[in-house]
């Protein structure tokens, strides 16, 4: 089982991959419409919004939490 390098999500089925492309090492949630991987800033904003929506977090707390999560992932090592 692969893990998304950009958000850590387990990719357990072909539907988890962008455009059903199992050669990608990032998930459909971390991809742009054209299938390319989102930038760090795009992923950071999207994860922040997800945390606000799904976990009812304050925006400042969600943004800090999202940054802490993302900076530990392989895709963002150069951003550290």
Protein backbone atom coordinates (compact mmCIF):
# COMPACT_ATOMS: atom_id res chain seq x y z
CA UNK A 1 0.00 0.00 0.00
CA UNK A 2 1.30 3.41 -0.97
CA UNK A 3 1.00 6.51 1.18
CA UNK A 4 0.56 9.93 -0.41
CA UNK A 5 3.84 11.84 -0.18
CA UNK A 6 1.97 15.14 0.06
CA UNK A 7 -0.68 14.45 2.74
CA UNK A 8 0.02 10.97 4.14
CA UNK A 9 -3.30 9.44 3.03
CA UNK A 10 -3.18 5.68 2.43
CA UNK A 11 -3.87 4.94 -1.24
CA UNK A 12 -5.62 1.59 -1.16
CA UNK A 13 -7.60 1.62 -4.40
CA UNK A 14 -7.16 2.96 -7.91
CA UNK A 15 -9.78 5.61 -7.11
CA UNK A 16 -7.39 7.19 -4.61
CA UNK A 17 -4.94 8.16 -7.39
CA UNK A 18 -5.15 11.31 -9.50
CA UNK A 19 -6.82 10.51 -12.82
CA UNK A 20 -6.58 6.80 -11.80
CA UNK A 21 -2.84 6.92 -12.51
CA UNK A 22 -1.21 4.44 -10.12
CA UNK A 23 2.26 5.61 -11.16
CA UNK A 24 1.72 8.80 -9.13
CA UNK A 25 2.98 8.90 -5.55
CA UNK A 26 0.39 11.44 -4.41
CA UNK A 27 -3.38 11.10 -3.99
CA UNK A 28 -6.31 12.63 -5.83
CA UNK A 29 -6.78 15.19 -3.05
CA UNK A 30 -3.26 16.55 -3.60
CA UNK A 31 -3.63 16.81 -7.38
CA UNK A 32 -4.75 19.65 -9.56
CA UNK A 33 -7.41 19.04 -12.22
CA UNK A 34 -4.72 18.27 -14.79
CA UNK A 35 -3.28 15.54 -12.51
CA UNK A 36 -0.15 17.45 -11.47
CA UNK A 37 0.67 17.75 -7.79
CA UNK A 38 -0.43 20.87 -5.94
CA UNK A 39 2.21 23.24 -4.60
CA UNK A 40 2.97 23.36 -0.89
CA UNK A 41 0.92 26.55 -0.54
CA UNK A 42 -2.08 25.03 -2.34
CA UNK A 43 -1.92 21.88 -0.20
CA UNK A 44 -1.48 23.94 2.98
CA UNK A 45 -4.56 26.04 2.22
CA UNK A 46 -6.66 23.02 1.21
CA UNK A 47 -5.68 21.06 4.33
CA UNK A 48 -6.41 24.11 6.48
CA UNK A 49 -9.89 24.39 4.97
CA UNK A 50 -10.46 20.66 5.44
CA UNK A 51 -9.55 20.90 9.13
CA UNK A 52 -11.85 23.88 9.62
CA UNK A 53 -14.73 22.14 7.87
CA UNK A 54 -14.35 18.60 9.18
CA UNK A 55 -12.92 19.22 12.65
CA UNK A 56 -14.53 22.61 13.37
CA UNK A 57 -11.12 24.13 14.11
CA UNK A 58 -10.34 27.81 14.41
CA UNK A 59 -8.56 29.05 11.26
CA UNK A 60 -5.33 29.98 13.07
CA UNK A 61 -5.14 26.62 14.85
CA UNK A 62 -6.04 24.74 11.66
CA UNK A 63 -3.34 26.56 9.68
CA UNK A 64 -0.66 25.82 12.28
CA UNK A 65 -1.77 22.20 12.57
CA UNK A 66 -1.79 21.74 8.79
CA UNK A 67 1.73 23.17 8.55
CA UNK A 68 2.98 20.83 11.28
CA UNK A 69 1.47 17.81 9.51
CA UNK A 70 2.71 18.76 6.05
CA UNK A 71 6.29 19.59 6.98
CA UNK A 72 6.78 15.98 8.14
CA UNK A 73 5.88 14.50 4.74
CA UNK A 74 8.34 13.50 2.00
CA UNK A 75 6.99 15.89 -0.64
CA UNK A 76 7.77 18.92 1.47
CA UNK A 77 11.25 18.13 2.80
CA UNK A 78 12.76 20.97 0.75
CA UNK A 79 10.27 23.37 2.43
CA UNK A 80 11.58 22.69 5.95
